[in-house]
């Protein structure tokens, strides 16, 4: 099973456990996560982003200071911007946060539902999924020379045919190398793979 297929399965199961959606920021370094997945309602995501709530969210603050899981209702931190109250108005009435990983590569995931508190067994399943997601999304230390060369030529603006000619391989062989690089970088498109490779300083 490829990492991408494994990732899709994890995100599907996380969605099944989160009827009102989830937000997962993986391997948060410096100011932001290396990878982010979210299925919250777009209006809430836009409102949250426009107001810079990531820097003010008690859930995120809890995640940076703790390891493990907590229901939102059990987080005993100030919420001067009433983010939890606004989230409830947006349909995210009950939630759980899971935090895993070291401080310099922390992964924090919030899951929500609108009908009731999360049960202990649900929180345990979500915690295991987030732990697995943290492992799966750990950035690679390197790319193969073939993967790097293929990505670099496309990043430099070459079309597939021209890039393949420069490498002395067929266009289908070039595409195979790009697919391999995308899988390694957990990217769905070549453009996303190029950006991730740059972010990870592999290109």
N, C-alpha and C. Protein backbone atom coordinates (compact mmCIF):
# COMPACT_ATOMS: atom_id res chain seq x y z
N UNK A 1 0.85 -1.20 0.00
CA UNK A 1 0.00 0.00 0.00
C UNK A 1 0.88 1.25 0.00
N UNK A 2 0.63 2.18 -0.90
CA UNK A 2 1.43 3.40 -0.96
C UNK A 2 1.06 4.32 0.19
N UNK A 3 1.97 5.26 0.49
CA UNK A 3 1.70 6.22 1.57
C UNK A 3 0.45 7.04 1.28
N UNK A 4 0.26 7.38 -0.01
CA UNK A 4 -0.88 8.21 -0.37
C UNK A 4 -2.19 7.48 -0.10
N UNK A 5 -2.26 6.20 -0.48
CA UNK A 5 -3.47 5.41 -0.22
C UNK A 5 -3.68 5.30 1.28
N UNK A 6 -2.60 5.06 2.03
CA UNK A 6 -2.71 4.99 3.48
C UNK A 6 -3.22 6.30 4.05
N UNK A 7 -2.73 7.41 3.53
CA UNK A 7 -3.16 8.73 3.99
C UNK A 7 -4.64 8.95 3.72
N UNK A 8 -5.08 8.62 2.51
CA UNK A 8 -6.49 8.79 2.16
C UNK A 8 -7.40 8.00 3.10
N UNK A 9 -6.97 6.80 3.45
CA UNK A 9 -7.75 5.95 4.36
C UNK A 9 -7.82 6.57 5.76
N UNK A 10 -6.70 7.09 6.25
CA UNK A 10 -6.67 7.71 7.57
C UNK A 10 -7.61 8.92 7.59
N UNK A 11 -7.54 9.76 6.56
CA UNK A 11 -8.38 10.96 6.51
C UNK A 11 -9.86 10.59 6.40
N UNK A 12 -10.15 9.52 5.67
CA UNK A 12 -11.55 9.05 5.56
C UNK A 12 -12.06 8.63 6.94
N UNK A 13 -11.27 7.85 7.66
CA UNK A 13 -11.69 7.38 8.99
C UNK A 13 -11.81 8.54 9.97
N UNK A 14 -10.90 9.52 9.85
CA UNK A 14 -10.98 10.70 10.71
C UNK A 14 -12.28 11.47 10.43
N UNK A 15 -12.66 11.53 9.16
CA UNK A 15 -13.91 12.18 8.78
C UNK A 15 -15.12 11.44 9.34
N UNK A 16 -15.05 10.11 9.36
CA UNK A 16 -16.15 9.31 9.91
C UNK A 16 -16.33 9.57 11.40
N UNK A 17 -15.23 9.86 12.07
CA UNK A 17 -15.29 10.11 13.53
C UNK A 17 -15.68 11.54 13.85
N UNK A 18 -15.70 12.41 12.82
CA UNK A 18 -15.90 13.86 13.05
C UNK A 18 -17.07 14.36 12.21
N UNK A 19 -18.31 14.14 12.65
CA UNK A 19 -19.47 14.51 11.83
C UNK A 19 -19.54 15.99 11.44
N UNK A 20 -18.99 16.88 12.27
CA UNK A 20 -19.01 18.31 11.94
C UNK A 20 -17.67 18.78 11.37
N UNK A 21 -16.78 17.84 11.06
CA UNK A 21 -15.53 18.18 10.42
C UNK A 21 -14.33 18.13 11.36
N UNK A 22 -13.16 18.31 10.76
CA UNK A 22 -11.92 18.30 11.54
C UNK A 22 -10.91 19.27 10.92
N UNK A 23 -9.90 19.63 11.71
CA UNK A 23 -8.76 20.40 11.24
C UNK A 23 -7.52 19.75 11.81
N UNK A 24 -6.59 19.37 10.94
CA UNK A 24 -5.36 18.74 11.40
C UNK A 24 -4.17 19.50 10.83
N UNK A 25 -3.37 20.09 11.71
CA UNK A 25 -2.13 20.74 11.31
C UNK A 25 -0.98 19.82 11.69
N UNK A 26 -0.26 19.33 10.70
CA UNK A 26 0.75 18.31 10.94
C UNK A 26 2.17 18.89 10.90
N UNK A 27 2.96 18.50 11.88
CA UNK A 27 4.37 18.91 11.98
C UNK A 27 4.50 20.43 11.92
N UNK A 28 3.90 21.08 12.92
CA UNK A 28 3.93 22.54 13.00
C UNK A 28 5.34 22.98 13.38
N UNK A 29 5.94 23.78 12.49
CA UNK A 29 7.30 24.28 12.71
C UNK A 29 7.30 25.77 12.40
N UNK A 30 7.98 26.53 13.20
CA UNK A 30 8.00 27.99 13.03
C UNK A 30 6.56 28.50 13.13
N UNK A 31 6.02 29.05 12.07
CA UNK A 31 4.70 29.69 12.17
C UNK A 31 3.54 28.81 11.72
N UNK A 32 3.82 27.73 10.99
CA UNK A 32 2.68 26.97 10.46
C UNK A 32 3.00 25.50 10.26
N UNK A 33 1.96 24.72 9.92
CA UNK A 33 2.15 23.29 9.71
C UNK A 33 2.76 23.00 8.34
N UNK A 34 3.50 21.89 8.24
CA UNK A 34 4.02 21.48 6.95
C UNK A 34 2.88 21.01 6.04
N UNK A 35 1.90 20.35 6.64
CA UNK A 35 0.74 19.86 5.91
C UNK A 35 -0.51 20.14 6.74
N UNK A 36 -1.60 20.51 6.09
CA UNK A 36 -2.84 20.77 6.81
C UNK A 36 -4.01 20.13 6.09
N UNK A 37 -4.91 19.53 6.86
CA UNK A 37 -6.13 18.93 6.30
C UNK A 37 -7.30 19.48 7.10
N UNK A 38 -8.37 19.87 6.41
CA UNK A 38 -9.54 20.36 7.14
C UNK A 38 -10.82 20.12 6.36
N UNK A 39 -11.85 19.79 7.11
CA UNK A 39 -13.17 19.54 6.50
C UNK A 39 -14.27 20.34 7.19
N UNK A 40 -13.89 21.31 8.02
CA UNK A 40 -14.89 22.18 8.63
C UNK A 40 -15.63 22.93 7.52
N UNK A 41 -16.80 23.43 7.85
CA UNK A 41 -17.57 24.24 6.91
C UNK A 41 -16.72 25.43 6.46
N UNK A 42 -16.77 25.73 5.15
CA UNK A 42 -15.91 26.79 4.59
C UNK A 42 -16.15 28.15 5.24
N UNK A 43 -17.39 28.45 5.60
CA UNK A 43 -17.66 29.75 6.24
C UNK A 43 -16.90 29.88 7.55
N UNK A 44 -16.85 28.78 8.31
CA UNK A 44 -16.13 28.82 9.58
C UNK A 44 -14.63 28.93 9.33
N UNK A 45 -14.12 28.18 8.37
CA UNK A 45 -12.69 28.23 8.04
C UNK A 45 -12.30 29.65 7.63
N UNK A 46 -13.12 30.28 6.79
CA UNK A 46 -12.83 31.64 6.34
C UNK A 46 -12.86 32.63 7.51
N UNK A 47 -13.87 32.50 8.37
CA UNK A 47 -14.01 33.38 9.53
C UNK A 47 -12.82 33.21 10.48
N UNK A 48 -12.44 31.96 10.71
CA UNK A 48 -11.33 31.62 11.61
C UNK A 48 -10.02 32.20 11.06
N UNK A 49 -9.82 32.05 9.75
CA UNK A 49 -8.59 32.52 9.11
C UNK A 49 -8.53 34.05 9.09
N UNK A 50 -9.63 34.68 8.69
CA UNK A 50 -9.66 36.14 8.57
C UNK A 50 -9.40 36.83 9.91
N UNK A 51 -9.79 36.17 11.00
CA UNK A 51 -9.61 36.77 12.33
C UNK A 51 -8.32 36.32 13.03
N UNK A 52 -7.51 35.55 12.33
CA UNK A 52 -6.23 35.11 12.92
C UNK A 52 -6.40 34.29 14.18
N UNK A 53 -7.45 33.46 14.22
CA UNK A 53 -7.75 32.73 15.45
C UNK A 53 -6.73 31.64 15.79
N UNK A 54 -5.94 31.19 14.82
CA UNK A 54 -4.95 30.15 15.13
C UNK A 54 -3.99 30.61 16.22
N UNK A 55 -3.73 31.92 16.27
CA UNK A 55 -2.82 32.47 17.27
C UNK A 55 -3.51 32.73 18.61
N UNK A 56 -4.83 32.59 18.63
CA UNK A 56 -5.60 32.94 19.82
C UNK A 56 -6.45 31.79 20.35
N UNK A 57 -6.44 30.68 19.63
CA UNK A 57 -7.33 29.55 19.92
C UNK A 57 -6.86 28.77 21.15
N UNK A 58 -7.71 28.64 22.19
CA UNK A 58 -7.33 27.84 23.37
C UNK A 58 -7.01 26.39 23.00
N UNK A 59 -7.67 25.86 21.98
CA UNK A 59 -7.41 24.49 21.56
C UNK A 59 -5.96 24.35 21.08
N UNK A 60 -5.49 25.31 20.26
CA UNK A 60 -4.11 25.28 19.76
C UNK A 60 -3.13 25.49 20.92
N UNK A 61 -3.45 26.41 21.81
CA UNK A 61 -2.58 26.66 22.98
C UNK A 61 -2.47 25.41 23.83
N UNK A 62 -3.59 24.72 24.03
CA UNK A 62 -3.56 23.46 24.80
C UNK A 62 -2.67 22.45 24.09
N UNK A 63 -2.80 22.35 22.77
CA UNK A 63 -2.03 21.38 22.00
C UNK A 63 -0.53 21.60 22.08
N UNK A 64 -0.11 22.86 22.18
CA UNK A 64 1.33 23.13 22.26
C UNK A 64 1.89 22.86 23.66
N UNK A 65 1.01 22.82 24.63
CA UNK A 65 1.46 22.63 26.01
C UNK A 65 1.22 21.23 26.56
N UNK A 66 0.48 20.42 25.81
CA UNK A 66 0.13 19.08 26.30
C UNK A 66 0.33 18.04 25.20
N UNK A 67 0.40 16.81 25.63
CA UNK A 67 0.33 15.66 24.72
C UNK A 67 -0.88 14.85 25.11
N UNK A 68 -1.55 14.25 24.12
CA UNK A 68 -2.72 13.45 24.42
C UNK A 68 -3.98 14.05 23.83
N UNK A 69 -5.09 13.88 24.55
CA UNK A 69 -6.39 14.34 24.03
C UNK A 69 -7.21 14.99 25.12
N UNK A 70 -8.07 15.91 24.71
CA UNK A 70 -8.98 16.56 25.65
C UNK A 70 -10.24 17.01 24.93
N UNK A 71 -11.38 16.86 25.59
CA UNK A 71 -12.60 17.47 25.06
C UNK A 71 -12.44 18.98 25.17
N UNK A 72 -13.02 19.70 24.20
CA UNK A 72 -12.93 21.16 24.26
C UNK A 72 -13.51 21.70 25.56
N UNK A 73 -14.58 21.07 26.03
CA UNK A 73 -15.26 21.54 27.24
C UNK A 73 -14.39 21.38 28.48
N UNK A 74 -13.32 20.59 28.38
CA UNK A 74 -12.45 20.35 29.53
C UNK A 74 -11.17 21.18 29.48
N UNK A 75 -11.03 22.00 28.44
CA UNK A 75 -9.85 22.85 28.32
C UNK A 75 -10.03 24.07 29.23
N UNK A 76 -9.16 24.17 30.22
CA UNK A 76 -9.29 25.24 31.21
C UNK A 76 -8.29 26.36 30.91
N UNK A 77 -8.54 27.04 29.79
CA UNK A 77 -7.68 28.15 29.37
C UNK A 77 -8.56 29.34 29.01
N UNK A 78 -8.07 30.55 29.14
CA UNK A 78 -8.86 31.73 28.78
C UNK A 78 -9.25 31.70 27.29
N UNK A 79 -10.44 32.19 27.01
CA UNK A 79 -10.92 32.29 25.62
C UNK A 79 -11.53 33.68 25.42
N UNK A 80 -10.69 34.73 25.51
CA UNK A 80 -11.21 36.11 25.47
C UNK A 80 -11.91 36.46 24.16
N UNK A 81 -11.56 35.77 23.08
CA UNK A 81 -12.20 36.04 21.79
C UNK A 81 -13.44 35.19 21.56
N UNK A 82 -13.78 34.37 22.58
CA UNK A 82 -14.99 33.52 22.52
C UNK A 82 -14.99 32.63 21.27
N UNK A 83 -13.85 32.03 21.00
CA UNK A 83 -13.72 31.19 19.81
C UNK A 83 -14.59 29.94 19.93
N UNK A 84 -14.59 29.31 21.11
CA UNK A 84 -15.42 28.12 21.29
C UNK A 84 -16.91 28.46 21.12
N UNK A 85 -17.30 29.61 21.64
CA UNK A 85 -18.70 30.04 21.52
C UNK A 85 -19.06 30.29 20.05
N UNK A 86 -18.17 30.93 19.32
CA UNK A 86 -18.41 31.17 17.90
C UNK A 86 -18.42 29.86 17.10
N UNK A 87 -17.53 28.94 17.48
CA UNK A 87 -17.50 27.63 16.81
C UNK A 87 -18.82 26.90 17.02
N UNK A 88 -19.36 26.97 18.23
CA UNK A 88 -20.64 26.32 18.52
C UNK A 88 -21.76 26.91 17.67
N UNK A 89 -21.74 28.23 17.51
CA UNK A 89 -22.75 28.89 16.66
C UNK A 89 -22.62 28.46 15.20
N UNK A 90 -21.41 28.04 14.82
CA UNK A 90 -21.17 27.59 13.44
C UNK A 90 -21.41 26.09 13.26
N UNK A 91 -21.91 25.44 14.32
CA UNK A 91 -22.22 24.02 14.23
C UNK A 91 -21.19 23.10 14.84
N UNK A 92 -20.09 23.68 15.34
CA UNK A 92 -19.04 22.89 15.99
C UNK A 92 -19.25 22.98 17.50
N UNK A 93 -20.31 22.32 17.98
CA UNK A 93 -20.74 22.50 19.37
C UNK A 93 -19.90 21.69 20.35
N UNK A 94 -19.46 20.52 19.94
CA UNK A 94 -18.67 19.65 20.81
C UNK A 94 -17.40 19.25 20.07
N UNK A 95 -16.30 19.19 20.80
CA UNK A 95 -15.06 18.86 20.11
C UNK A 95 -14.06 18.15 20.98
N UNK A 96 -13.03 17.66 20.31
CA UNK A 96 -11.90 17.04 20.98
C UNK A 96 -10.64 17.50 20.27
N UNK A 97 -9.58 17.72 21.03
CA UNK A 97 -8.28 18.07 20.45
C UNK A 97 -7.31 16.94 20.78
N UNK A 98 -6.46 16.61 19.81
CA UNK A 98 -5.41 15.61 20.01
C UNK A 98 -4.08 16.26 19.64
N UNK A 99 -3.09 16.11 20.50
CA UNK A 99 -1.77 16.68 20.25
C UNK A 99 -0.72 15.59 20.38
N UNK A 100 0.12 15.46 19.34
CA UNK A 100 1.19 14.45 19.37
C UNK A 100 2.48 15.06 18.82
N UNK A 101 3.60 14.45 19.18
CA UNK A 101 4.88 14.86 18.62
C UNK A 101 5.64 15.82 19.50
N UNK A 102 6.94 16.00 19.21
CA UNK A 102 7.76 16.94 19.98
C UNK A 102 7.39 18.38 19.68
N UNK A 103 7.82 19.29 20.53
CA UNK A 103 7.45 20.69 20.39
C UNK A 103 7.91 21.29 19.07
N UNK A 104 9.05 20.81 18.53
CA UNK A 104 9.56 21.38 17.27
C UNK A 104 8.95 20.74 16.03
N UNK A 105 8.02 19.79 16.24
CA UNK A 105 7.31 19.18 15.11
C UNK A 105 5.97 18.65 15.58
N UNK A 106 5.21 19.53 16.21
CA UNK A 106 3.94 19.16 16.85
C UNK A 106 2.83 19.01 15.81
N UNK A 107 1.99 18.01 16.01
CA UNK A 107 0.78 17.85 15.20
C UNK A 107 -0.43 17.99 16.11
N UNK A 108 -1.36 18.87 15.71
CA UNK A 108 -2.56 19.15 16.51
C UNK A 108 -3.78 18.98 15.64
N UNK A 109 -4.74 18.20 16.14
CA UNK A 109 -5.97 17.95 15.38
C UNK A 109 -7.19 18.23 16.24
N UNK A 110 -8.12 19.00 15.68
CA UNK A 110 -9.39 19.25 16.34
C UNK A 110 -10.51 18.59 15.56
N UNK A 111 -11.37 17.84 16.25
CA UNK A 111 -12.50 17.16 15.61
C UNK A 111 -13.79 17.64 16.27
N UNK A 112 -14.85 17.76 15.49
CA UNK A 112 -16.08 18.35 16.03
C UNK A 112 -17.32 17.55 15.66
N UNK A 113 -18.34 17.74 16.48
CA UNK A 113 -19.68 17.22 16.17
C UNK A 113 -20.69 18.20 16.76
N UNK A 114 -21.94 18.10 16.32
CA UNK A 114 -22.93 19.09 16.75
C UNK A 114 -24.02 18.51 17.64
N UNK A 115 -23.92 17.20 17.98
CA UNK A 115 -25.03 16.56 18.68
C UNK A 115 -24.74 16.18 20.13
N UNK A 116 -23.47 15.86 20.45
CA UNK A 116 -23.14 15.39 21.80
C UNK A 116 -21.62 15.40 21.98
N UNK A 117 -21.21 15.21 23.24
CA UNK A 117 -19.78 15.10 23.53
C UNK A 117 -19.22 13.81 22.91
N UNK A 118 -17.94 13.81 22.60
CA UNK A 118 -17.28 12.61 22.12
C UNK A 118 -17.15 11.61 23.27
N UNK A 119 -17.43 10.34 22.98
CA UNK A 119 -17.28 9.28 23.98
C UNK A 119 -15.81 8.89 24.10
N UNK A 120 -15.46 8.25 25.21
CA UNK A 120 -14.06 7.87 25.45
C UNK A 120 -13.51 6.98 24.34
N UNK A 121 -14.32 6.01 23.88
CA UNK A 121 -13.82 5.09 22.85
C UNK A 121 -13.60 5.84 21.52
N UNK A 122 -14.43 6.84 21.24
CA UNK A 122 -14.25 7.65 20.03
C UNK A 122 -12.95 8.46 20.13
N UNK A 123 -12.71 9.02 21.31
CA UNK A 123 -11.49 9.81 21.51
C UNK A 123 -10.26 8.91 21.36
N UNK A 124 -10.34 7.69 21.85
CA UNK A 124 -9.22 6.75 21.71
C UNK A 124 -8.95 6.43 20.24
N UNK A 125 -10.01 6.24 19.46
CA UNK A 125 -9.84 5.94 18.03
C UNK A 125 -9.24 7.14 17.30
N UNK A 126 -9.76 8.33 17.61
CA UNK A 126 -9.25 9.56 16.98
C UNK A 126 -7.77 9.76 17.32
N UNK A 127 -7.41 9.51 18.58
CA UNK A 127 -6.02 9.67 19.01
C UNK A 127 -5.10 8.75 18.21
N UNK A 128 -5.51 7.50 18.02
CA UNK A 128 -4.69 6.55 17.25
C UNK A 128 -4.57 6.99 15.79
N UNK A 129 -5.66 7.52 15.23
CA UNK A 129 -5.62 8.01 13.85
C UNK A 129 -4.66 9.19 13.70
N UNK A 130 -4.69 10.11 14.66
CA UNK A 130 -3.82 11.28 14.60
C UNK A 130 -2.36 10.87 14.78
N UNK A 131 -2.11 9.91 15.67
CA UNK A 131 -0.74 9.41 15.85
C UNK A 131 -0.22 8.79 14.55
N UNK A 132 -1.09 8.03 13.87
CA UNK A 132 -0.70 7.42 12.60
C UNK A 132 -0.49 8.48 11.54
N UNK A 133 -1.37 9.48 11.50
CA UNK A 133 -1.26 10.57 10.54
C UNK A 133 0.04 11.35 10.75
N UNK A 134 0.41 11.54 12.01
CA UNK A 134 1.67 12.23 12.34
C UNK A 134 2.86 11.46 11.76
N UNK A 135 2.83 10.15 11.89
CA UNK A 135 3.92 9.32 11.37
C UNK A 135 3.96 9.33 9.85
N UNK A 136 2.79 9.16 9.24
CA UNK A 136 2.70 9.08 7.78
C UNK A 136 3.13 10.38 7.11
N UNK A 137 2.85 11.51 7.75
CA UNK A 137 3.16 12.82 7.14
C UNK A 137 4.53 13.35 7.52
N UNK A 138 5.32 12.56 8.24
CA UNK A 138 6.68 12.98 8.57
C UNK A 138 7.45 13.20 7.27
N UNK A 139 7.99 14.40 7.04
CA UNK A 139 8.61 14.69 5.74
C UNK A 139 9.83 13.81 5.49
N UNK A 140 10.06 13.43 4.23
CA UNK A 140 11.22 12.60 3.91
C UNK A 140 12.51 13.39 4.09
N UNK A 141 13.60 12.67 4.36
CA UNK A 141 14.90 13.32 4.50
C UNK A 141 15.52 13.63 3.15
N UNK A 142 15.09 12.89 2.11
CA UNK A 142 15.71 13.07 0.80
C UNK A 142 14.80 12.54 -0.29
N UNK A 143 15.12 12.91 -1.52
CA UNK A 143 14.51 12.35 -2.72
C UNK A 143 15.60 11.62 -3.48
N UNK A 144 15.22 10.66 -4.31
CA UNK A 144 16.21 10.02 -5.16
C UNK A 144 16.67 11.05 -6.21
N UNK A 145 17.83 10.81 -6.79
CA UNK A 145 18.33 11.72 -7.83
C UNK A 145 17.34 11.80 -8.98
N UNK A 146 16.74 10.65 -9.35
CA UNK A 146 15.78 10.62 -10.46
C UNK A 146 14.55 11.47 -10.14
N UNK A 147 14.05 11.36 -8.90
CA UNK A 147 12.89 12.15 -8.49
C UNK A 147 13.23 13.64 -8.48
N UNK A 148 14.40 13.96 -7.94
CA UNK A 148 14.81 15.36 -7.83
C UNK A 148 15.01 15.99 -9.21
N UNK A 149 15.68 15.26 -10.10
CA UNK A 149 15.93 15.79 -11.45
C UNK A 149 14.62 16.05 -12.19
N UNK A 150 13.67 15.12 -12.08
CA UNK A 150 12.38 15.26 -12.76
C UNK A 150 11.62 16.47 -12.23
N UNK A 151 11.57 16.59 -10.90
CA UNK A 151 10.86 17.73 -10.30
C UNK A 151 11.53 19.05 -10.66
N UNK A 152 12.86 19.08 -10.63
CA UNK A 152 13.57 20.33 -10.88
C UNK A 152 13.32 20.85 -12.29
N UNK A 153 13.31 19.94 -13.27
CA UNK A 153 13.08 20.37 -14.65
C UNK A 153 11.67 20.94 -14.83
N UNK A 154 10.69 20.30 -14.21
CA UNK A 154 9.31 20.83 -14.29
C UNK A 154 9.23 22.16 -13.54
N UNK A 155 9.91 22.24 -12.39
CA UNK A 155 9.93 23.49 -11.62
C UNK A 155 10.56 24.62 -12.43
N UNK A 156 11.52 24.27 -13.27
CA UNK A 156 12.21 25.27 -14.11
C UNK A 156 11.38 25.69 -15.32
N UNK A 157 10.21 25.08 -15.49
CA UNK A 157 9.31 25.49 -16.56
C UNK A 157 9.32 24.63 -17.81
N UNK A 158 10.05 23.51 -17.79
CA UNK A 158 10.07 22.63 -18.96
C UNK A 158 8.77 21.84 -19.07
N UNK A 159 8.30 21.65 -20.27
CA UNK A 159 7.15 20.77 -20.50
C UNK A 159 7.65 19.33 -20.40
N UNK A 160 6.71 18.40 -20.26
CA UNK A 160 7.09 17.00 -20.06
C UNK A 160 8.00 16.47 -21.16
N UNK A 161 7.65 16.75 -22.40
CA UNK A 161 8.44 16.23 -23.53
C UNK A 161 9.87 16.76 -23.50
N UNK A 162 10.00 18.06 -23.22
CA UNK A 162 11.33 18.68 -23.17
C UNK A 162 12.13 18.16 -21.99
N UNK A 163 11.46 18.00 -20.83
CA UNK A 163 12.14 17.49 -19.63
C UNK A 163 12.63 16.07 -19.86
N UNK A 164 11.78 15.25 -20.48
CA UNK A 164 12.15 13.87 -20.76
C UNK A 164 13.35 13.81 -21.70
N UNK A 165 13.34 14.68 -22.72
CA UNK A 165 14.45 14.72 -23.69
C UNK A 165 15.75 15.11 -23.00
N UNK A 166 15.68 16.08 -22.10
CA UNK A 166 16.88 16.52 -21.38
C UNK A 166 17.47 15.39 -20.53
N UNK A 167 16.58 14.56 -19.99
CA UNK A 167 17.04 13.45 -19.15
C UNK A 167 17.37 12.20 -19.97
N UNK A 168 17.03 12.23 -21.26
CA UNK A 168 17.30 11.09 -22.11
C UNK A 168 16.42 9.89 -21.81
N UNK A 169 15.18 10.18 -21.38
CA UNK A 169 14.23 9.10 -21.07
C UNK A 169 12.92 9.38 -21.80
N UNK A 170 12.02 8.40 -21.79
CA UNK A 170 10.73 8.59 -22.44
C UNK A 170 9.83 9.47 -21.57
N UNK A 171 8.80 10.02 -22.18
CA UNK A 171 7.86 10.86 -21.43
C UNK A 171 7.15 10.04 -20.36
N UNK A 172 6.84 8.79 -20.68
CA UNK A 172 6.16 7.93 -19.70
C UNK A 172 7.09 7.64 -18.52
N UNK A 173 8.39 7.50 -18.77
CA UNK A 173 9.35 7.28 -17.68
C UNK A 173 9.45 8.52 -16.80
N UNK A 174 9.40 9.70 -17.43
CA UNK A 174 9.41 10.95 -16.66
C UNK A 174 8.18 11.02 -15.76
N UNK A 175 7.02 10.70 -16.33
CA UNK A 175 5.78 10.74 -15.55
C UNK A 175 5.85 9.77 -14.37
N UNK A 176 6.47 8.60 -14.59
CA UNK A 176 6.61 7.62 -13.51
C UNK A 176 7.47 8.19 -12.38
N UNK A 177 8.52 8.92 -12.74
CA UNK A 177 9.38 9.53 -11.73
C UNK A 177 8.64 10.62 -10.95
N UNK A 178 7.81 11.38 -11.66
CA UNK A 178 7.03 12.44 -10.99
C UNK A 178 5.99 11.84 -10.05
N UNK A 179 5.36 10.75 -10.49
CA UNK A 179 4.39 10.07 -9.63
C UNK A 179 5.08 9.54 -8.37
N UNK A 180 6.27 8.97 -8.55
CA UNK A 180 7.04 8.47 -7.43
C UNK A 180 7.38 9.60 -6.44
N UNK A 181 7.77 10.75 -6.99
CA UNK A 181 8.09 11.90 -6.14
C UNK A 181 6.84 12.40 -5.41
N UNK A 182 5.70 12.45 -6.12
CA UNK A 182 4.45 12.89 -5.48
C UNK A 182 4.09 11.97 -4.32
N UNK A 183 4.22 10.66 -4.53
CA UNK A 183 3.90 9.70 -3.47
C UNK A 183 4.81 9.91 -2.26
N UNK A 184 6.08 10.12 -2.53
CA UNK A 184 7.04 10.30 -1.43
C UNK A 184 6.76 11.57 -0.64
N UNK A 185 6.27 12.59 -1.34
CA UNK A 185 6.00 13.88 -0.70
C UNK A 185 4.55 14.04 -0.27
N UNK A 186 3.75 12.98 -0.45
CA UNK A 186 2.32 13.01 -0.10
C UNK A 186 1.61 14.16 -0.81
N UNK A 187 1.95 14.37 -2.06
CA UNK A 187 1.36 15.45 -2.85
C UNK A 187 0.42 14.88 -3.90
N UNK A 188 -0.66 15.59 -4.15
CA UNK A 188 -1.64 15.12 -5.13
C UNK A 188 -1.33 15.61 -6.54
N UNK A 189 -0.55 16.67 -6.66
CA UNK A 189 -0.18 17.20 -7.97
C UNK A 189 1.32 17.42 -8.01
N UNK A 190 1.86 17.55 -9.22
CA UNK A 190 3.29 17.82 -9.37
C UNK A 190 3.64 19.20 -8.81
N UNK A 191 2.76 20.17 -9.02
CA UNK A 191 3.00 21.52 -8.49
C UNK A 191 3.10 21.49 -6.97
N UNK A 192 2.21 20.71 -6.34
CA UNK A 192 2.24 20.58 -4.88
C UNK A 192 3.52 19.88 -4.43
N UNK A 193 3.93 18.86 -5.20
CA UNK A 193 5.17 18.14 -4.87
C UNK A 193 6.38 19.07 -4.95
N UNK A 194 6.41 19.92 -5.97
CA UNK A 194 7.52 20.88 -6.12
C UNK A 194 7.56 21.83 -4.93
N UNK A 195 6.40 22.34 -4.55
CA UNK A 195 6.35 23.28 -3.42
C UNK A 195 6.79 22.61 -2.13
N UNK A 196 6.32 21.36 -1.91
CA UNK A 196 6.72 20.65 -0.69
C UNK A 196 8.21 20.36 -0.68
N UNK A 197 8.74 19.96 -1.84
CA UNK A 197 10.17 19.68 -1.93
C UNK A 197 10.98 20.93 -1.58
N UNK A 198 10.49 22.09 -2.03
CA UNK A 198 11.17 23.36 -1.70
C UNK A 198 11.03 23.67 -0.21
N UNK A 199 9.81 23.46 0.32
CA UNK A 199 9.58 23.71 1.75
C UNK A 199 10.48 22.84 2.61
N UNK A 200 10.69 21.58 2.18
CA UNK A 200 11.51 20.65 2.94
C UNK A 200 13.00 20.80 2.60
N UNK A 201 13.31 21.77 1.71
CA UNK A 201 14.68 22.03 1.27
C UNK A 201 15.31 20.80 0.61
N UNK A 202 14.49 20.13 -0.19
CA UNK A 202 14.97 18.97 -0.94
C UNK A 202 15.25 19.34 -2.39
N UNK A 203 14.84 20.54 -2.80
CA UNK A 203 15.11 21.04 -4.15
C UNK A 203 15.90 22.34 -4.04
